[in-house]
C-alpha atoms as a PDB file:
ATOM      1  CA  MET A   1       0.352   0.044  -0.021  1.00  0.00           C
ATOM      2  CA  GLU A   2       0.993   3.251  -1.123  1.00  0.00           C
ATOM      3  CA  ASN A   3       2.762   5.552   2.290  1.00  0.00           C
ATOM      4  CA  ILE A   4       0.286   8.768   1.973  1.00  0.00           C
ATOM      5  CA  PHE A   5       2.673  10.581   4.295  1.00  0.00           C
ATOM      6  CA  GLU A   6       5.922   9.956   1.916  1.00  0.00           C
ATOM      7  CA  VAL A   7       6.880  13.090  -0.001  1.00  0.00           C
ATOM      8  CA  THR A   8       8.825  12.548  -2.824  1.00  0.00           C
ATOM      9  CA  GLN A   9      12.045  14.545  -4.190  1.00  0.00           C
ATOM     10  CA  GLU A  10      10.616  16.605  -6.156  1.00  0.00           C
ATOM     11  CA  GLU A  11       7.758  17.502  -4.036  1.00  0.00           C
ATOM     12  CA  LYS A  12      10.556  18.552  -1.702  1.00  0.00           C
ATOM     13  CA  ASP A  13      12.141  20.264  -4.439  1.00  0.00           C
ATOM     14  CA  ARG A  14       8.911  22.357  -5.415  1.00  0.00           C
ATOM     15  CA  ILE A  15       8.301  23.409  -1.799  1.00  0.00           C
ATOM     16  CA  ARG A  16      11.963  24.664  -1.223  1.00  0.00           C
ATOM     17  CA  GLY A  17      11.757  26.646  -4.014  1.00  0.00           C
ATOM     18  CA  LEU A  18       8.347  28.216  -3.225  1.00  0.00           C
ATOM     19  CA  HIS A  19      10.134  29.042   0.098  1.00  0.00           C
ATOM     20  CA  LEU A  20      13.120  30.559  -2.003  1.00  0.00           C
ATOM     21  CA  THR A  21      10.769  33.113  -3.704  1.00  0.00           C
ATOM     22  CA  GLU A  22       8.858  34.142  -0.403  1.00  0.00           C
ATOM     23  CA  SER A  23      12.544  34.906   1.040  1.00  0.00           C
ATOM     24  CA  LYS A  24      13.158  36.942  -2.031  1.00  0.00           C
ATOM     25  CA  ASN A  25       9.728  38.962  -2.632  1.00  0.00           C
ATOM     26  CA  ARG A  26       8.511  41.661  -0.080  1.00  0.00           C
ATOM     27  CA  THR A  27       5.002  41.590  -0.776  1.00  0.00           C
ATOM     28  CA  ILE A  28       4.654  38.348   0.305  1.00  0.00           C
ATOM     29  CA  ASN A  29       4.094  37.984   4.330  1.00  0.00           C
ATOM     30  CA  SER A  30       3.478  34.679   6.012  1.00  0.00           C
ATOM     31  CA  LEU A  31       1.063  32.639   3.209  1.00  0.00           C
ATOM     32  CA  ILE A  32       3.134  31.103   0.210  1.00  0.00           C
ATOM     33  CA  ASN A  33       0.848  32.475  -3.207  1.00  0.00           C
ATOM     34  CA  GLU A  34       1.485  29.474  -5.807  1.00  0.00           C
ATOM     35  CA  GLN A  35       0.006  31.705  -8.138  1.00  0.00           C
ATOM     36  CA  GLU A  36       2.500  34.430  -7.974  1.00  0.00           C
ATOM     37  CA  THR A  37       4.546  34.330 -10.716  1.00  0.00           C
ATOM     38  CA  THR A  38       6.954  36.682 -12.702  1.00  0.00           C
ATOM     39  CA  ASP A  39       4.601  36.403 -15.740  1.00  0.00           C
ATOM     40  CA  ALA A  40       1.743  38.241 -14.026  1.00  0.00           C
ATOM     41  CA  ASP A  41       4.344  40.989 -13.049  1.00  0.00           C
ATOM     42  CA  THR A  42       5.766  41.393 -16.519  1.00  0.00           C
ATOM     43  CA  LYS A  43       2.043  41.142 -18.319  1.00  0.00           C
ATOM     44  CA  ASP A  44       0.837  43.771 -15.770  1.00  0.00           C
ATOM     45  CA  ILE A  45       4.030  46.280 -16.573  1.00  0.00           C
ATOM     46  CA  ASP A  46       3.201  45.511 -20.595  1.00  0.00           C
ATOM     47  CA  THR A  47      -0.211  46.516 -20.408  1.00  0.00           C
ATOM     48  CA  GLN A  48       0.944  50.077 -18.175  1.00  0.00           C
ATOM     49  CA  VAL A  49       3.709  50.482 -21.099  1.00  0.00           C
ATOM     50  CA  GLU A  50       0.872  50.790 -23.811  1.00  0.00           C
ATOM     51  CA  GLU A  51      -1.596  52.510 -22.226  1.00  0.00           C
ATOM     52  CA  LEU A  52       1.434  55.033 -21.423  1.00  0.00           C
ATOM     53  CA  LYS A  53       2.184  55.266 -25.567  1.00  0.00           C
ATOM     54  CA  LYS A  54      -1.470  56.507 -25.982  1.00  0.00           C
ATOM     55  CA  LEU A  55      -0.747  59.447 -24.024  1.00  0.00           C
ATOM     56  CA  LYS A  56       2.666  60.503 -26.270  1.00  0.00           C
ATOM     57  CA  TRP A  57       5.158  58.511 -23.637  1.00  0.00           C
ATOM     58  CA  VAL A  58       7.960  56.731 -25.658  1.00  0.00           C
ATOM     59  CA  GLU A  59      10.015  53.892 -24.349  1.00  0.00           C
ATOM     60  CA  GLY A  60      13.577  54.680 -24.076  1.00  0.00           C
ATOM     61  CA  LYS A  61      15.879  56.666 -21.624  1.00  0.00           C
ATOM     62  CA  GLN A  62      16.234  60.143 -21.037  1.00  0.00           C
ATOM     63  CA  THR A  63      18.421  61.864 -18.370  1.00  0.00           C
ATOM     64  CA  ASP A  64      17.442  65.741 -19.007  1.00  0.00           C
ATOM     65  CA  GLU A  65      14.687  66.732 -16.914  1.00  0.00           C
ATOM     66  CA  THR A  66      14.714  70.485 -18.293  1.00  0.00           C
ATOM     67  CA  LYS A  67      13.063  68.859 -21.620  1.00  0.00           C
ATOM     68  CA  TYR A  68      11.609  65.343 -20.839  1.00  0.00           C
ATOM     69  CA  GLU A  69       9.290  64.136 -18.170  1.00  0.00           C
ATOM     70  CA  ILE A  70      10.930  60.545 -17.263  1.00  0.00           C
ATOM     71  CA  LYS A  71       9.362  57.608 -15.659  1.00  0.00           C
ATOM     72  CA  THR A  72      10.824  54.176 -14.910  1.00  0.00           C
ATOM     73  CA  LEU A  73       8.305  50.837 -14.748  1.00  0.00           C
ATOM     74  CA  LYS A  74       9.507  48.236 -12.546  1.00  0.00           C
ATOM     75  CA  SER A  75       7.842  44.773 -11.946  1.00  0.00           C
ATOM     76  CA  GLU A  76       7.250  43.883  -8.483  1.00  0.00           C
ATOM     77  CA  ASP A  77       9.839  41.090  -8.230  1.00  0.00           C
ATOM     78  CA  GLY A  78      12.451  43.677 -10.150  1.00  0.00           C
ATOM     79  CA  SER A  79      12.538  40.949 -12.954  1.00  0.00           C
ATOM     80  CA  LYS A  80      11.315  43.535 -15.606  1.00  0.00           C
ATOM     81  CA  THR A  81      12.205  48.043 -15.799  1.00  0.00           C
ATOM     82  CA  VAL A  82      10.853  49.720 -18.510  1.00  0.00           C
ATOM     83  CA  ASP A  83      12.605  53.271 -19.121  1.00  0.00           C
ATOM     84  CA  LEU A  84      10.141  55.895 -20.523  1.00  0.00           C
ATOM     85  CA  TYR A  85      10.013  59.705 -21.632  1.00  0.00           C
ATOM     86  CA  ARG A  86       8.228  62.439 -23.242  1.00  0.00           C
ATOM     87  CA  GLU A  87       8.761  65.803 -23.977  1.00  0.00           C
ATOM     88  CA  LEU A  88       7.399  68.976 -21.804  1.00  0.00           C
ATOM     89  CA  CYS A  89       5.183  70.995 -22.545  1.00  0.00           C
ATOM     90  CA  GLY A  90       6.161  74.626 -23.427  1.00  0.00           C
ATOM     91  CA  GLU A  91       4.708  77.630 -21.351  1.00  0.00           C
ATOM     92  CA  GLY A  92       0.874  78.482 -21.563  1.00  0.00           C
ATOM     93  CA  LYS A  93       0.420  74.690 -22.376  1.00  0.00           C
ATOM     94  CA  VAL A  94      -1.326  72.256 -20.662  1.00  0.00           C
ATOM     95  CA  ARG A  95      -1.298  67.943 -21.418  1.00  0.00           C
ATOM     96  CA  ASP A  96      -4.361  67.071 -22.037  1.00  0.00           C
ATOM     97  CA  LYS A  97      -5.536  63.510 -19.841  1.00  0.00           C
ATOM     98  CA  ASN A  98      -7.017  61.952 -22.867  1.00  0.00           C
ATOM     99  CA  THR A  99      -5.033  62.503 -25.784  1.00  0.00           C
ATOM    100  CA  GLY A 100      -1.444  63.278 -24.169  1.00  0.00           C
ATOM    101  CA  ASP A 101      -1.277  65.952 -26.256  1.00  0.00           C
ATOM    102  CA  CYS A 102      -0.021  69.829 -25.814  1.00  0.00           C
ATOM    103  CA  ILE A 103      -2.377  72.562 -26.135  1.00  0.00           C
ATOM    104  CA  GLU A 104      -3.117  75.453 -25.449  1.00  0.00           C
ATOM    105  CA  GLU A 105      -4.049  76.594 -21.662  1.00  0.00           C
ATOM    106  CA  ILE A 106      -7.513  78.148 -21.909  1.00  0.00           C
ATOM    107  CA  GLY A 107      -7.816  81.637 -19.562  1.00  0.00           C
ATOM    108  CA  SER A 108      -4.449  81.410 -17.756  1.00  0.00           C
ATOM    109  CA  GLU A 109      -4.706  85.284 -17.783  1.00  0.00           C
ATOM    110  CA  GLU A 110      -7.302  84.641 -15.074  1.00  0.00           C
ATOM    111  CA  LYS A 111      -5.094  82.325 -13.054  1.00  0.00           C
ATOM    112  CA  GLY A 112      -4.760  84.101  -9.523  1.00  0.00           C
ATOM    113  CA  ALA A 113      -7.293  86.660  -9.679  1.00  0.00           C
ATOM    114  CA  GLY A 114      -9.577  85.358  -7.051  1.00  0.00           C
ATOM    115  CA  LYS A 115     -12.301  84.316  -9.559  1.00  0.00           C
ATOM    116  CA  ASP A 116     -13.886  81.255  -9.332  1.00  0.00           C
ATOM    117  CA  SER A 117     -13.934  78.735 -12.576  1.00  0.00           C
ATOM    118  CA  GLU A 118     -16.581  78.743 -14.968  1.00  0.00           C
ATOM    119  CA  GLY A 119     -15.967  76.182 -16.725  1.00  0.00           C
ATOM    120  CA  ASP A 120     -13.025  76.740 -18.609  1.00  0.00           C
ATOM    121  CA  GLU A 121     -10.239  74.937 -17.318  1.00  0.00           C
ATOM    122  CA  SER A 122     -10.130  72.270 -14.596  1.00  0.00           C
ATOM    123  CA  GLU A 123      -7.571  70.120 -12.196  1.00  0.00           C
ATOM    124  CA  THR A 124      -7.346  67.450 -15.596  1.00  0.00           C
ATOM    125  CA  GLY A 125      -6.957  69.738 -18.460  1.00  0.00           C
ATOM    126  CA  ALA A 126      -8.375  72.906 -20.135  1.00  0.00           C
ATOM    127  CA  TYR A 127     -12.151  72.555 -21.722  1.00  0.00           C
ATOM    128  CA  GLN A 128     -13.184  74.687 -24.990  1.00  0.00           C
ATOM    129  CA  ASP A 129     -14.027  78.358 -24.478  1.00  0.00           C
ATOM    130  CA  SER A 130     -17.317  78.880 -26.061  1.00  0.00           C
ATOM    131  CA  LYS A 131     -17.417  82.463 -26.231  1.00  0.00           C
ATOM    132  CA  LEU A 132     -13.723  82.022 -27.826  1.00  0.00           C
ATOM    133  CA  ILE A 133     -14.862  79.736 -30.129  1.00  0.00           C
ATOM    134  CA  THR A 134     -18.191  81.811 -31.708  1.00  0.00           C
ATOM    135  CA  GLU A 135     -15.906  85.148 -31.899  1.00  0.00           C
ATOM    136  CA  LEU A 136     -13.082  83.057 -33.997  1.00  0.00           C
ATOM    137  CA  LYS A 137     -16.000  81.874 -36.768  1.00  0.00           C
ATOM    138  CA  GLY A 138     -17.395  85.145 -36.825  1.00  0.00           C
ATOM    139  CA  ASP A 139     -13.670  86.478 -37.329  1.00  0.00           C
ATOM    140  CA  ILE A 140     -13.304  83.766 -39.920  1.00  0.00           C
ATOM    141  CA  SER A 141     -16.442  84.885 -42.084  1.00  0.00           C
ATOM    142  CA  SER A 142     -16.326  88.722 -41.646  1.00  0.00           C
ATOM    143  CA  THR A 143     -11.989  87.495 -42.813  1.00  0.00           C
ATOM    144  CA  TYR A 144     -13.147  85.692 -45.611  1.00  0.00           C
ATOM    145  CA  LYS A 145     -16.020  88.297 -46.690  1.00  0.00           C
ATOM    146  CA  SER A 146     -13.764  90.829 -46.654  1.00  0.00           C
ATOM    147  CA  ASP A 147     -10.553  89.735 -47.883  1.00  0.00           C
ATOM    148  CA  VAL A 148     -11.656  86.763 -50.670  1.00  0.00           C
ATOM    149  CA  GLN A 149     -15.103  86.932 -51.587  1.00  0.00           C
ATOM    150  CA  SER A 150     -15.865  88.708 -54.830  1.00  0.00           C
ATOM    151  CA  GLN A 151     -11.594  89.306 -54.868  1.00  0.00           C
ATOM    152  CA  LYS A 152      -9.870  89.160 -58.296  1.00  0.00           C
ATOM    153  CA  PHE A 153      -6.631  87.121 -57.885  1.00  0.00           C
ATOM    154  CA  ASN A 154      -3.771  86.526 -60.565  1.00  0.00           C
ATOM    155  CA  LEU A 155      -2.613  83.117 -61.256  1.00  0.00           C
ATOM    156  CA  TYR A 156       0.846  82.134 -62.846  1.00  0.00           C
ATOM    157  CA  ASN A 157       2.172  79.236 -64.278  1.00  0.00           C
ATOM    158  CA  SER A 158       5.375  79.354 -61.920  1.00  0.00           C
ATOM    159  CA  LYS A 159       6.239  80.299 -58.209  1.00  0.00           C
ATOM    160  CA  LYS A 160       8.876  82.317 -59.374  1.00  0.00           C
ATOM    161  CA  ALA A 161       6.769  84.522 -61.903  1.00  0.00           C
ATOM    162  CA  ALA A 162       4.186  84.333 -58.840  1.00  0.00           C
ATOM    163  CA  ARG A 163       6.757  85.860 -56.376  1.00  0.00           C
ATOM    164  CA  LYS A 164       7.832  88.872 -58.772  1.00  0.00           C
ATOM    165  CA  ASN A 165       4.704  89.049 -60.675  1.00  0.00           C
ATOM    166  CA  ILE A 166       5.446  88.489 -64.219  1.00  0.00           C
ATOM    167  CA  ALA A 167       2.680  89.506 -66.412  1.00  0.00           C
ATOM    168  CA  LYS A 168       3.579  87.844 -69.423  1.00  0.00           C
ATOM    169  CA  LYS A 169       5.923  85.179 -71.274  1.00  0.00           C
ATOM    170  CA  SER A 170       8.802  86.399 -72.318  1.00  0.00           C
ATOM    171  CA  GLY A 171      12.612  85.858 -73.448  1.00  0.00           C
ATOM    172  CA  PRO A 172      14.381  82.699 -72.070  1.00  0.00           C
ATOM    173  CA  PHE A 173      11.954  82.487 -69.107  1.00  0.00           C
ATOM    174  CA  LYS A 174       8.920  80.661 -69.701  1.00  0.00           C
ATOM    175  CA  GLY A 175       6.826  81.444 -66.541  1.00  0.00           C
ATOM    176  CA  GLY A 176       3.928  84.383 -66.622  1.00  0.00           C
ATOM    177  CA  PHE A 177       0.870  85.346 -65.855  1.00  0.00           C
ATOM    178  CA  VAL A 178      -2.003  82.537 -67.020  1.00  0.00           C
ATOM    179  CA  MET A 179      -5.204  84.281 -65.930  1.00  0.00           C
ATOM    180  CA  GLN A 180      -7.176  86.269 -63.444  1.00  0.00           C
ATOM    181  CA  ILE A 181      -9.792  84.483 -61.221  1.00  0.00           C
ATOM    182  CA  GLN A 182     -12.412  85.894 -59.423  1.00  0.00           C
ATOM    183  CA  VAL A 183     -13.728  84.416 -56.009  1.00  0.00           C
ATOM    184  CA  LEU A 184     -18.115  84.019 -56.335  1.00  0.00           C
ATOM    185  CA  LYS A 185     -20.450  84.502 -53.781  1.00  0.00           C
ATOM    186  CA  ASP A 186     -21.552  81.234 -51.851  1.00  0.00           C
ATOM    187  CA  PRO A 187     -22.321  78.985 -54.570  1.00  0.00           C
ATOM    188  CA  GLU A 188     -23.486  75.569 -55.001  1.00  0.00           C
ATOM    189  CA  THR A 189     -20.908  73.121 -56.520  1.00  0.00           C
ATOM    190  CA  THR A 190     -22.101  70.532 -59.170  1.00  0.00           C
ATOM    191  CA  THR A 191     -21.890  67.738 -56.445  1.00  0.00           C
ATOM    192  CA  GLY A 192     -24.524  69.800 -54.021  1.00  0.00           C
ATOM    193  CA  LYS A 193     -21.866  71.124 -51.513  1.00  0.00           C
ATOM    194  CA  LYS A 194     -22.078  74.353 -50.773  1.00  0.00           C
ATOM    195  CA  LEU A 195     -18.589  76.888 -50.991  1.00  0.00           C
ATOM    196  CA  PRO A 196     -16.538  78.009 -49.450  1.00  0.00           C
ATOM    197  CA  MET A 197     -15.609  74.968 -47.202  1.00  0.00           C
ATOM    198  CA  ALA A 198     -12.822  73.974 -45.058  1.00  0.00           C
ATOM    199  CA  ILE A 199     -11.107  70.708 -44.448  1.00  0.00           C
ATOM    200  CA  LYS A 200      -9.910  68.744 -41.644  1.00  0.00           C
ATOM    201  CA  ASN A 201      -7.332  66.254 -41.247  1.00  0.00           C
ATOM    202  CA  LYS A 202      -7.359  62.927 -39.040  1.00  0.00           C
ATOM    203  CA  LYS A 203      -5.990  65.152 -36.651  1.00  0.00           C
ATOM    204  CA  GLY A 204      -8.634  67.672 -36.456  1.00  0.00           C
ATOM    205  CA  GLU A 205      -6.547  70.336 -37.783  1.00  0.00           C
ATOM    206  CA  TYR A 206      -7.852  72.427 -40.911  1.00  0.00           C
ATOM    207  CA  THR A 207      -5.592  71.737 -43.638  1.00  0.00           C
ATOM    208  CA  PHE A 208      -7.507  72.457 -46.821  1.00  0.00           C
ATOM    209  CA  PHE A 209      -9.901  75.681 -48.400  1.00  0.00           C
ATOM    210  CA  LYS A 210     -11.817  75.034 -50.976  1.00  0.00           C
ATOM    211  CA  MET A 211     -13.929  77.975 -53.011  1.00  0.00           C
ATOM    212  CA  HIS A 212     -15.645  78.856 -56.562  1.00  0.00           C
ATOM    213  CA  THR A 213     -14.568  81.193 -58.813  1.00  0.00           C
ATOM    214  CA  ASN A 214     -15.484  82.093 -62.646  1.00  0.00           C
ATOM    215  CA  GLU A 215     -13.217  79.380 -63.456  1.00  0.00           C
ATOM    216  CA  GLY A 216     -14.215  76.537 -61.459  1.00  0.00           C
ATOM    217  CA  ASP A 217     -13.202  75.251 -57.866  1.00  0.00           C
ATOM    218  CA  ILE A 218     -10.328  75.642 -56.431  1.00  0.00           C
ATOM    219  CA  THR A 219      -8.423  73.753 -53.544  1.00  0.00           C
ATOM    220  CA  TYR A 220      -5.659  75.135 -51.670  1.00  0.00           C
ATOM    221  CA  LYS A 221      -3.809  73.460 -49.001  1.00  0.00           C
ATOM    222  CA  PHE A 222      -2.777  76.043 -46.396  1.00  0.00           C
ATOM    223  CA  GLY A 223       1.058  76.946 -45.858  1.00  0.00           C
ATOM    224  CA  LYS A 224       1.294  76.458 -50.066  1.00  0.00           C
ATOM    225  CA  PRO A 225       2.808  77.982 -52.762  1.00  0.00           C
ATOM    226  CA  GLY A 226       0.302  76.794 -54.881  1.00  0.00           C
ATOM    227  CA  LEU A 227      -3.158  75.498 -55.907  1.00  0.00           C
ATOM    228  CA  LYS A 228      -5.351  73.736 -57.348  1.00  0.00           C
ATOM    229  CA  LEU A 229      -7.923  73.927 -59.797  1.00  0.00           C
ATOM    230  CA  VAL A 230     -10.491  72.507 -61.280  1.00  0.00           C
ATOM    231  CA  ASN A 231     -12.085  74.159 -64.692  1.00  0.00           C
ATOM    232  CA  LYS A 232     -15.647  74.168 -66.322  1.00  0.00           C
ATOM    233  CA  GLU A 233     -14.185  70.973 -68.099  1.00  0.00           C
ATOM    234  CA  GLY A 234     -13.183  68.757 -65.421  1.00  0.00           C
ATOM    235  CA  LYS A 235      -9.718  69.478 -66.190  1.00  0.00           C
ATOM    236  CA  ARG A 236      -7.312  69.841 -62.994  1.00  0.00           C
ATOM    237  CA  LYS A 237      -4.232  71.645 -63.116  1.00  0.00           C
ATOM    238  CA  VAL A 238      -1.377  73.298 -60.289  1.00  0.00           C
ATOM    239  CA  TYR A 239      -1.564  76.954 -60.781  1.00  0.00           C
ATOM    240  CA  TYR A 240       0.608  79.533 -58.425  1.00  0.00           C
ATOM    241  CA  PRO A 241      -1.352  82.610 -57.189  1.00  0.00           C
ATOM    242  CA  SER A 242      -0.586  86.221 -56.329  1.00  0.00           C
ATOM    243  CA  ALA A 243       0.909  87.305 -52.868  1.00  0.00           C
ATOM    244  CA  LYS A 244      -2.500  89.348 -52.411  1.00  0.00           C
ATOM    245  CA  PHE A 245      -4.121  85.655 -52.677  1.00  0.00           C
ATOM    246  CA  LEU A 246      -1.753  83.928 -49.968  1.00  0.00           C
ATOM    247  CA  THR A 247      -1.684  86.936 -47.733  1.00  0.00           C
ATOM    248  CA  ALA A 248      -5.536  86.603 -47.672  1.00  0.00           C
ATOM    249  CA  MET A 249      -4.962  82.672 -47.152  1.00  0.00           C
ATOM    250  CA  LYS A 250      -2.566  83.195 -44.123  1.00  0.00           C
ATOM    251  CA  LYS A 251      -5.147  85.344 -42.144  1.00  0.00           C
ATOM    252  CA  LEU A 252      -7.675  82.607 -42.662  1.00  0.00           C
ATOM    253  CA  HIS A 253      -5.372  79.889 -41.686  1.00  0.00           C
ATOM    254  CA  GLY A 254      -4.387  81.524 -38.419  1.00  0.00           C
ATOM    255  CA  LEU A 255      -7.928  81.802 -37.299  1.00  0.00           C
ATOM    256  CA  TYR A 256      -8.465  78.211 -38.626  1.00  0.00           C
ATOM    257  CA  GLU A 257      -5.864  76.690 -35.928  1.00  0.00           C
ATOM    258  CA  LYS A 258      -7.075  78.261 -33.202  1.00  0.00           C
ATOM    259  CA  LEU A 259     -10.980  77.247 -33.812  1.00  0.00           C
ATOM    260  CA  GLY A 260      -9.349  73.539 -34.480  1.00  0.00           C
ATOM    261  CA  ALA A 261      -7.516  73.999 -31.222  1.00  0.00           C
ATOM    262  CA  GLN A 262     -10.228  74.655 -29.575  1.00  0.00           C
ATOM    263  CA  LEU A 263     -12.432  72.180 -31.028  1.00  0.00           C
ATOM    264  CA  GLN A 264     -10.781  69.512 -30.134  1.00  0.00           C
ATOM    265  CA  LEU A 265     -10.840  69.851 -26.457  1.00  0.00           C
ATOM    266  CA  PRO A 266     -13.613  68.332 -24.958  1.00  0.00           C
ATOM    267  CA  PRO A 267     -16.623  70.483 -24.201  1.00  0.00           C
ATOM    268  CA  ALA A 268     -16.841  72.450 -20.851  1.00  0.00           C
ATOM    269  CA  GLU A 269     -19.686  70.733 -18.437  1.00  0.00           C
END
C-alpha cells in the first residue's frame, strides 16, 4: 500500500523553491502564494507601457529633466524594468489627460485673479471656450468676406512668376501670368456642396480650403505656394497665386488653427 505521508524528492524541491521565492519577495507576508509569478508581473507592466504610449510616452532612456518627463516602471519582483519619457509641454500649454497632447491653456490670464472657474479649466486640463469659438467663427466669416469673397486674384504657371508678378511670357524665362480669377459668393458646386468649405485632416486640423471662382473650383492647402483648379471642363491643374491671395489665406489659416485647437478640447460641462 502506498504511503500517503511520504513526500517525493520532486515535491520537496517544489516546496523549497516556493520558500526561496517568498524570502526574495517583500510583498509576501506569511503565506506562500503559488499563483504569484513573474509572468503576471510582466503582463501587468506591459499593459501599463501600452497605456502610457497612448499618452505620448516613448520607450527609451532620457536624462535631461529640463526637456523631458521621465518615468521608470519596474515589476514587483524586479524581473523587468522599462524606461519611458515624453517631451515637456511649453509655456502656456497643458497636457490633455485623454490624448497626452500639449494644448493651449485656456484662461491662463485669469489664474490667481480670485475668480471662480466657469468651466474654462479643470484640474485635469482645458475645456472648450464657447465664447472664443463664436468669436473665431465670426472673425473667419468677416475675413473671408472682406479679403477673399468677390476678390480678383492672378494665377501664374510658376512660383517665380507669382513671386515677381511677371505679367507675360517673355525671353528665355517661360513662366508668367496665366489668368485672373474671381471668387464667387456662396455658390453650390455640381455635387450640391456649398462653398467655401474648410476641410480637416484626421487630427482635426484645418488643412484645405475650397472655394468657387468664375474659372471653376479651387482647392488650396494652407501654407503651400500653389493651388489646384478644376475648370469647367473638369480638368485639374496646379497654378501659383499672387501674394495678395497668399496673404489672405495666411490670415484665414491663423484663425482656423485657433478654432481647430478649440474644437479638439472636451466641451465644458
